[in-house]
Amino acid sequence: MRLTPSESTSLELTPLATYQCGSAHCPAVYAPAGHSDDLVVQGWIAGPHLAQSLPTGEQMVVLPRETLLEAVRKLLNEG
C-alpha cells in the first residue's frame, strides 16, 4: 500500500537508521507503519541547483551515504 502525502501527517514512523550529527534533528530513514513499500527520508534540504526540475510537493534532501546503507542492511535482514 503506497503512502500518500495526506496520510503522512498521522503516521507512526519506525527509525531504520539515524546519522549521529550531535543534534536532535539529524538525517534519518524511517519505515512508516502499515506501508511496507515506502520509506520516509529526513535530510538536509538540497540547494536549488540540485532541485531545479522537481514537481510541486517534492523536495530533494541530502543524507550521508552510510545512513542509507544502514537502512538497507536492516531492511534486507528483515526479509
PDB file of N, CA and C in Angstrom:
ATOM      1  N   MET A   1       0.843  -1.177   0.000  1.00  0.00           N
ATOM      2  CA  MET A   1       0.000   0.000   0.000  1.00  0.00           C
ATOM      3  C   MET A   1       0.888   1.239   0.000  1.00  0.00           C
ATOM      4  N   ARG A   2       0.710   2.100  -0.949  1.00  0.00           N
ATOM      5  CA  ARG A   2       1.523   3.306  -1.102  1.00  0.00           C
ATOM      6  C   ARG A   2       1.081   4.412  -0.148  1.00  0.00           C
ATOM      7  N   LEU A   3       2.057   5.127   0.345  1.00  0.00           N
ATOM      8  CA  LEU A   3       1.831   6.256   1.231  1.00  0.00           C
ATOM      9  C   LEU A   3       1.495   7.488   0.399  1.00  0.00           C
ATOM     10  N   THR A   4       0.440   8.199   0.767  1.00  0.00           N
ATOM     11  CA  THR A   4       0.088   9.439   0.076  1.00  0.00           C
ATOM     12  C   THR A   4       0.477  10.620   0.957  1.00  0.00           C
ATOM     13  N   PRO A   5       0.742  11.787   0.366  1.00  0.00           N
ATOM     14  CA  PRO A   5       1.131  12.953   1.163  1.00  0.00           C
ATOM     15  C   PRO A   5       0.126  13.298   2.260  1.00  0.00           C
ATOM     16  N   SER A   6      -1.153  13.120   2.012  1.00  0.00           N
ATOM     17  CA  SER A   6      -2.147  13.477   3.035  1.00  0.00           C
ATOM     18  C   SER A   6      -2.096  12.531   4.230  1.00  0.00           C
ATOM     19  N   GLU A   7      -1.643  11.298   4.024  1.00  0.00           N
ATOM     20  CA  GLU A   7      -1.529  10.338   5.117  1.00  0.00           C
ATOM     21  C   GLU A   7      -0.308  10.585   5.994  1.00  0.00           C
ATOM     22  N   SER A   8       0.677  11.258   5.454  1.00  0.00           N
ATOM     23  CA  SER A   8       1.964  11.360   6.132  1.00  0.00           C
ATOM     24  C   SER A   8       1.927  12.191   7.404  1.00  0.00           C
ATOM     25  N   THR A   9       0.853  12.889   7.682  1.00  0.00           N
ATOM     26  CA  THR A   9       0.802  13.717   8.879  1.00  0.00           C
ATOM     27  C   THR A   9       0.436  12.935  10.132  1.00  0.00           C
ATOM     28  N   SER A  10      -0.101  11.729   9.990  1.00  0.00           N
ATOM     29  CA  SER A  10      -0.568  10.999  11.169  1.00  0.00           C
ATOM     30  C   SER A  10       0.010   9.590  11.270  1.00  0.00           C
ATOM     31  N   LEU A  11       1.168   9.352  10.698  1.00  0.00           N
ATOM     32  CA  LEU A  11       1.751   8.019  10.704  1.00  0.00           C
ATOM     33  C   LEU A  11       2.751   7.829  11.831  1.00  0.00           C
ATOM     34  N   GLU A  12       2.817   6.588  12.305  1.00  0.00           N
ATOM     35  CA  GLU A  12       3.873   6.225  13.235  1.00  0.00           C
ATOM     36  C   GLU A  12       5.086   5.824  12.410  1.00  0.00           C
ATOM     37  N   LEU A  13       6.245   6.399  12.722  1.00  0.00           N
ATOM     38  CA  LEU A  13       7.471   6.120  11.979  1.00  0.00           C
ATOM     39  C   LEU A  13       8.435   5.322  12.845  1.00  0.00           C
ATOM     40  N   THR A  14       8.987   4.248  12.276  1.00  0.00           N
ATOM     41  CA  THR A  14       9.989   3.439  12.961  1.00  0.00           C
ATOM     42  C   THR A  14      11.354   3.780  12.385  1.00  0.00           C
ATOM     43  N   PRO A  15      12.283   4.259  13.211  1.00  0.00           N
ATOM     44  CA  PRO A  15      13.617   4.589  12.695  1.00  0.00           C
ATOM     45  C   PRO A  15      14.352   3.345  12.216  1.00  0.00           C
ATOM     46  N   LEU A  16      14.901   3.404  11.017  1.00  0.00           N
ATOM     47  CA  LEU A  16      15.743   2.329  10.493  1.00  0.00           C
ATOM     48  C   LEU A  16      17.217   2.684  10.626  1.00  0.00           C
ATOM     49  N   ALA A  17      17.536   3.956  10.421  1.00  0.00           N
ATOM     50  CA  ALA A  17      18.917   4.419  10.511  1.00  0.00           C
ATOM     51  C   ALA A  17      18.912   5.914  10.798  1.00  0.00           C
ATOM     52  N   THR A  18      19.830   6.332  11.659  1.00  0.00           N
ATOM     53  CA  THR A  18      19.942   7.747  12.005  1.00  0.00           C
ATOM     54  C   THR A  18      21.407   8.147  12.004  1.00  0.00           C
ATOM     55  N   TYR A  19      21.716   9.254  11.363  1.00  0.00           N
ATOM     56  CA  TYR A  19      23.068   9.804  11.358  1.00  0.00           C
ATOM     57  C   TYR A  19      23.277  10.568  12.655  1.00  0.00           C
ATOM     58  N   GLN A  20      24.370  10.318  13.325  1.00  0.00           N
ATOM     59  CA  GLN A  20      24.672  10.998  14.578  1.00  0.00           C
ATOM     60  C   GLN A  20      25.382  12.318  14.293  1.00  0.00           C
ATOM     61  N   CYS A  21      24.623  13.421  14.335  1.00  0.00           N
ATOM     62  CA  CYS A  21      25.187  14.716  13.977  1.00  0.00           C
ATOM     63  C   CYS A  21      25.340  15.644  15.183  1.00  0.00           C
ATOM     64  N   GLY A  22      25.047  15.168  16.377  1.00  0.00           N
ATOM     65  CA  GLY A  22      25.192  15.988  17.567  1.00  0.00           C
ATOM     66  C   GLY A  22      23.988  16.863  17.847  1.00  0.00           C
ATOM     67  N   SER A  23      22.893  16.614  17.186  1.00  0.00           N
ATOM     68  CA  SER A  23      21.664  17.390  17.352  1.00  0.00           C
ATOM     69  C   SER A  23      20.504  16.408  17.444  1.00  0.00           C
ATOM     70  N   ALA A  24      19.356  16.887  17.867  1.00  0.00           N
ATOM     71  CA  ALA A  24      18.162  16.037  17.930  1.00  0.00           C
ATOM     72  C   ALA A  24      17.527  15.862  16.550  1.00  0.00           C
ATOM     73  N   HIS A  25      17.953  16.658  15.586  1.00  0.00           N
ATOM     74  CA  HIS A  25      17.353  16.635  14.253  1.00  0.00           C
ATOM     75  C   HIS A  25      18.423  16.308  13.217  1.00  0.00           C
ATOM     76  N   CYS A  26      18.690  15.012  13.067  1.00  0.00           N
ATOM     77  CA  CYS A  26      19.732  14.542  12.156  1.00  0.00           C
ATOM     78  C   CYS A  26      19.109  13.758  11.007  1.00  0.00           C
ATOM     79  N   PRO A  27      19.813  13.629   9.891  1.00  0.00           N
ATOM     80  CA  PRO A  27      19.300  12.820   8.787  1.00  0.00           C
ATOM     81  C   PRO A  27      18.954  11.410   9.258  1.00  0.00           C
ATOM     82  N   ALA A  28      17.860  10.882   8.717  1.00  0.00           N
ATOM     83  CA  ALA A  28      17.402   9.563   9.133  1.00  0.00           C
ATOM     84  C   ALA A  28      16.542   8.927   8.041  1.00  0.00           C
ATOM     85  N   VAL A  29      16.370   7.618   8.151  1.00  0.00           N
ATOM     86  CA  VAL A  29      15.478   6.865   7.278  1.00  0.00           C
ATOM     87  C   VAL A  29      14.488   6.142   8.176  1.00  0.00           C
ATOM     88  N   TYR A  30      13.195   6.253   7.843  1.00  0.00           N
ATOM     89  CA  TYR A  30      12.132   5.673   8.653  1.00  0.00           C
ATOM     90  C   TYR A  30      11.253   4.746   7.817  1.00  0.00           C
ATOM     91  N   ALA A  31      10.648   3.772   8.503  1.00  0.00           N
ATOM     92  CA  ALA A  31       9.631   2.918   7.887  1.00  0.00           C
ATOM     93  C   ALA A  31       8.288   3.350   8.456  1.00  0.00           C
ATOM     94  N   PRO A  32       7.345   3.779   7.603  1.00  0.00           N
ATOM     95  CA  PRO A  32       6.029   4.172   8.105  1.00  0.00           C
ATOM     96  C   PRO A  32       5.167   2.938   8.392  1.00  0.00           C
ATOM     97  N   ALA A  33       4.504   2.925   9.535  1.00  0.00           N
ATOM     98  CA  ALA A  33       3.659   1.796   9.931  1.00  0.00           C
ATOM     99  C   ALA A  33       2.570   1.557   8.885  1.00  0.00           C
ATOM    100  N   GLY A  34       2.412   0.297   8.486  1.00  0.00           N
ATOM    101  CA  GLY A  34       1.362  -0.075   7.556  1.00  0.00           C
ATOM    102  C   GLY A  34       1.661   0.195   6.096  1.00  0.00           C
ATOM    103  N   HIS A  35       2.870   0.650   5.789  1.00  0.00           N
ATOM    104  CA  HIS A  35       3.240   0.977   4.403  1.00  0.00           C
ATOM    105  C   HIS A  35       4.598   0.367   4.094  1.00  0.00           C
ATOM    106  N   SER A  36       4.638  -0.945   3.936  1.00  0.00           N
ATOM    107  CA  SER A  36       5.904  -1.652   3.778  1.00  0.00           C
ATOM    108  C   SER A  36       6.609  -1.361   2.455  1.00  0.00           C
ATOM    109  N   ASP A  37       5.922  -0.757   1.501  1.00  0.00           N
ATOM    110  CA  ASP A  37       6.551  -0.443   0.212  1.00  0.00           C
ATOM    111  C   ASP A  37       7.203   0.939   0.187  1.00  0.00           C
ATOM    112  N   ASP A  38       7.107   1.683   1.276  1.00  0.00           N
ATOM    113  CA  ASP A  38       7.598   3.058   1.294  1.00  0.00           C
ATOM    114  C   ASP A  38       8.587   3.288   2.432  1.00  0.00           C
ATOM    115  N   LEU A  39       9.413   4.320   2.274  1.00  0.00           N
ATOM    116  CA  LEU A  39      10.308   4.807   3.313  1.00  0.00           C
ATOM    117  C   LEU A  39      10.144   6.311   3.399  1.00  0.00           C
ATOM    118  N   VAL A  40      10.420   6.859   4.558  1.00  0.00           N
ATOM    119  CA  VAL A  40      10.420   8.309   4.747  1.00  0.00           C
ATOM    120  C   VAL A  40      11.860   8.696   5.057  1.00  0.00           C
ATOM    121  N   VAL A  41      12.373   9.704   4.342  1.00  0.00           N
ATOM    122  CA  VAL A  41      13.765  10.122   4.487  1.00  0.00           C
ATOM    123  C   VAL A  41      13.808  11.551   5.009  1.00  0.00           C
ATOM    124  N   GLN A  42      14.596  11.754   6.054  1.00  0.00           N
ATOM    125  CA  GLN A  42      14.830  13.094   6.605  1.00  0.00           C
ATOM    126  C   GLN A  42      16.272  13.452   6.296  1.00  0.00           C
ATOM    127  N   GLY A  43      16.490  14.636   5.780  1.00  0.00           N
ATOM    128  CA  GLY A  43      17.852  15.050   5.468  1.00  0.00           C
ATOM    129  C   GLY A  43      17.948  16.560   5.363  1.00  0.00           C
ATOM    130  N   TRP A  44      19.123  17.008   5.021  1.00  0.00           N
ATOM    131  CA  TRP A  44      19.338  18.440   4.821  1.00  0.00           C
ATOM    132  C   TRP A  44      18.777  18.818   3.459  1.00  0.00           C
ATOM    133  N   ILE A  45      18.076  19.920   3.378  1.00  0.00           N
ATOM    134  CA  ILE A  45      17.473  20.356   2.119  1.00  0.00           C
ATOM    135  C   ILE A  45      18.578  20.651   1.113  1.00  0.00           C
ATOM    136  N   ALA A  46      18.455  20.045  -0.066  1.00  0.00           N
ATOM    137  CA  ALA A  46      19.439  20.242  -1.133  1.00  0.00           C
ATOM    138  C   ALA A  46      19.339  21.664  -1.672  1.00  0.00           C
ATOM    139  N   GLY A  47      20.439  22.174  -2.149  1.00  0.00           N
ATOM    140  CA  GLY A  47      20.453  23.513  -2.725  1.00  0.00           C
ATOM    141  C   GLY A  47      19.606  23.597  -3.980  1.00  0.00           C
ATOM    142  N   PRO A  48      19.186  24.785  -4.348  1.00  0.00           N
ATOM    143  CA  PRO A  48      18.309  24.955  -5.507  1.00  0.00           C
ATOM    144  C   PRO A  48      18.932  24.473  -6.815  1.00  0.00           C
ATOM    145  N   HIS A  49      20.259  24.456  -6.911  1.00  0.00           N
ATOM    146  CA  HIS A  49      20.903  23.973  -8.137  1.00  0.00           C
ATOM    147  C   HIS A  49      20.687  22.472  -8.348  1.00  0.00           C
ATOM    148  N   LEU A  50      20.370  21.724  -7.281  1.00  0.00           N
ATOM    149  CA  LEU A  50      20.105  20.291  -7.397  1.00  0.00           C
ATOM    150  C   LEU A  50      18.628  19.987  -7.633  1.00  0.00           C
ATOM    151  N   ALA A  51      17.763  20.911  -7.271  1.00  0.00           N
ATOM    152  CA  ALA A  51      16.318  20.647  -7.299  1.00  0.00           C
ATOM    153  C   ALA A  51      15.589  21.519  -8.312  1.00  0.00           C
ATOM    154  N   GLN A  52      16.181  21.757  -9.452  1.00  0.00           N
ATOM    155  CA  GLN A  52      15.606  22.683 -10.423  1.00  0.00           C
ATOM    156  C   GLN A  52      14.336  22.187 -11.086  1.00  0.00           C
ATOM    157  N   SER A  53      14.202  20.888 -11.299  1.00  0.00           N
ATOM    158  CA  SER A  53      13.059  20.421 -12.083  1.00  0.00           C
ATOM    159  C   SER A  53      12.143  19.472 -11.311  1.00  0.00           C
ATOM    160  N   LEU A  54      12.016  19.685 -10.026  1.00  0.00           N
ATOM    161  CA  LEU A  54      11.137  18.834  -9.223  1.00  0.00           C
ATOM    162  C   LEU A  54       9.692  19.307  -9.322  1.00  0.00           C
ATOM    163  N   PRO A  55       8.753  18.373  -9.342  1.00  0.00           N
ATOM    164  CA  PRO A  55       7.350  18.772  -9.369  1.00  0.00           C
ATOM    165  C   PRO A  55       6.911  19.332  -8.012  1.00  0.00           C
ATOM    166  N   THR A  56       5.830  20.050  -8.014  1.00  0.00           N
ATOM    167  CA  THR A  56       5.266  20.614  -6.796  1.00  0.00           C
ATOM    168  C   THR A  56       5.014  19.501  -5.790  1.00  0.00           C
ATOM    169  N   GLY A  57       5.375  19.733  -4.550  1.00  0.00           N
ATOM    170  CA  GLY A  57       5.152  18.755  -3.498  1.00  0.00           C
ATOM    171  C   GLY A  57       6.324  17.836  -3.232  1.00  0.00           C
ATOM    172  N   GLU A  58       7.369  17.912  -4.051  1.00  0.00           N
ATOM    173  CA  GLU A  58       8.549  17.079  -3.850  1.00  0.00           C
ATOM    174  C   GLU A  58       9.731  17.948  -3.461  1.00  0.00           C
ATOM    175  N   GLN A  59      10.671  17.346  -2.736  1.00  0.00           N
ATOM    176  CA  GLN A  59      11.858  18.072  -2.318  1.00  0.00           C
ATOM    177  C   GLN A  59      13.029  17.111  -2.242  1.00  0.00           C
ATOM    178  N   MET A  60      14.188  17.538  -2.701  1.00  0.00           N
ATOM    179  CA  MET A  60      15.395  16.725  -2.591  1.00  0.00           C
ATOM    180  C   MET A  60      16.052  17.009  -1.250  1.00  0.00           C
ATOM    181  N   VAL A  61      16.544  15.942  -0.627  1.00  0.00           N
ATOM    182  CA  VAL A  61      17.295  16.102   0.608  1.00  0.00           C
ATOM    183  C   VAL A  61      18.611  15.360   0.470  1.00  0.00           C
ATOM    184  N   VAL A  62      19.566  15.769   1.277  1.00  0.00           N
ATOM    185  CA  VAL A  62      20.889  15.159   1.283  1.00  0.00           C
ATOM    186  C   VAL A  62      21.053  14.433   2.618  1.00  0.00           C
ATOM    187  N   LEU A  63      21.552  13.206   2.556  1.00  0.00           N
ATOM    188  CA  LEU A  63      21.871  12.486   3.779  1.00  0.00           C
ATOM    189  C   LEU A  63      23.136  11.684   3.549  1.00  0.00           C
ATOM    190  N   PRO A  64      23.855  11.379   4.620  1.00  0.00           N
ATOM    191  CA  PRO A  64      25.087  10.609   4.459  1.00  0.00           C
ATOM    192  C   PRO A  64      24.806   9.224   3.871  1.00  0.00           C
ATOM    193  N   ARG A  65      25.664   8.801   2.977  1.00  0.00           N
ATOM    194  CA  ARG A  65      25.525   7.505   2.312  1.00  0.00           C
ATOM    195  C   ARG A  65      25.396   6.370   3.338  1.00  0.00           C
ATOM    196  N   GLU A  66      26.193   6.410   4.392  1.00  0.00           N
ATOM    197  CA  GLU A  66      26.171   5.339   5.387  1.00  0.00           C
ATOM    198  C   GLU A  66      24.804   5.224   6.071  1.00  0.00           C
ATOM    199  N   THR A  67      24.098   6.326   6.226  1.00  0.00           N
ATOM    200  CA  THR A  67      22.759   6.283   6.821  1.00  0.00           C
ATOM    201  C   THR A  67      21.814   5.487   5.929  1.00  0.00           C
ATOM    202  N   LEU A  68      21.865   5.725   4.647  1.00  0.00           N
ATOM    203  CA  LEU A  68      21.025   4.978   3.715  1.00  0.00           C
ATOM    204  C   LEU A  68      21.437   3.506   3.667  1.00  0.00           C
ATOM    205  N   LEU A  69      22.740   3.235   3.639  1.00  0.00           N
ATOM    206  CA  LEU A  69      23.218   1.855   3.606  1.00  0.00           C
ATOM    207  C   LEU A  69      22.809   1.088   4.865  1.00  0.00           C
ATOM    208  N   GLU A  70      22.855   1.745   6.015  1.00  0.00           N
ATOM    209  CA  GLU A  70      22.428   1.104   7.264  1.00  0.00           C
ATOM    210  C   GLU A  70      20.945   0.721   7.189  1.00  0.00           C
ATOM    211  N   ALA A  71      20.117   1.611   6.649  1.00  0.00           N
ATOM    212  CA  ALA A  71      18.698   1.316   6.495  1.00  0.00           C
ATOM    213  C   ALA A  71      18.484   0.137   5.554  1.00  0.00           C
ATOM    214  N   VAL A  72      19.221   0.093   4.455  1.00  0.00           N
ATOM    215  CA  VAL A  72      19.102  -1.011   3.503  1.00  0.00           C
ATOM    216  C   VAL A  72      19.499  -2.330   4.166  1.00  0.00           C
ATOM    217  N   ARG A  73      20.573  -2.335   4.939  1.00  0.00           N
ATOM    218  CA  ARG A  73      21.004  -3.560   5.632  1.00  0.00           C
ATOM    219  C   ARG A  73      19.893  -4.058   6.571  1.00  0.00           C
ATOM    220  N   LYS A  74      19.279  -3.145   7.309  1.00  0.00           N
ATOM    221  CA  LYS A  74      18.200  -3.533   8.220  1.00  0.00           C
ATOM    222  C   LYS A  74      17.012  -4.115   7.459  1.00  0.00           C
ATOM    223  N   LEU A  75      16.663  -3.490   6.340  1.00  0.00           N
ATOM    224  CA  LEU A  75      15.544  -3.989   5.542  1.00  0.00           C
ATOM    225  C   LEU A  75      15.851  -5.370   4.968  1.00  0.00           C
ATOM    226  N   LEU A  76      17.064  -5.583   4.498  1.00  0.00           N
ATOM    227  CA  LEU A  76      17.449  -6.882   3.950  1.00  0.00           C
ATOM    228  C   LEU A  76      17.444  -7.973   5.024  1.00  0.00           C
ATOM    229  N   ASN A  77      17.823  -7.625   6.236  1.00  0.00           N
ATOM    230  CA  ASN A  77      17.836  -8.596   7.327  1.00  0.00           C
ATOM    231  C   ASN A  77      16.436  -8.951   7.806  1.00  0.00           C
ATOM    232  N   GLU A  78      15.459  -8.066   7.563  1.00  0.00           N
ATOM    233  CA  GLU A  78      14.075  -8.337   7.942  1.00  0.00           C
ATOM    234  C   GLU A  78      13.438  -9.371   7.021  1.00  0.00           C
ATOM    235  N   GLY A  79      13.855  -9.361   5.755  1.00  0.00           N
ATOM    236  CA  GLY A  79      13.227 -10.204   4.739  1.00  0.00           C
ATOM    237  C   GLY A  79      13.717 -11.574   4.788  1.00  0.00           C
TER     238      GLY A  79
END
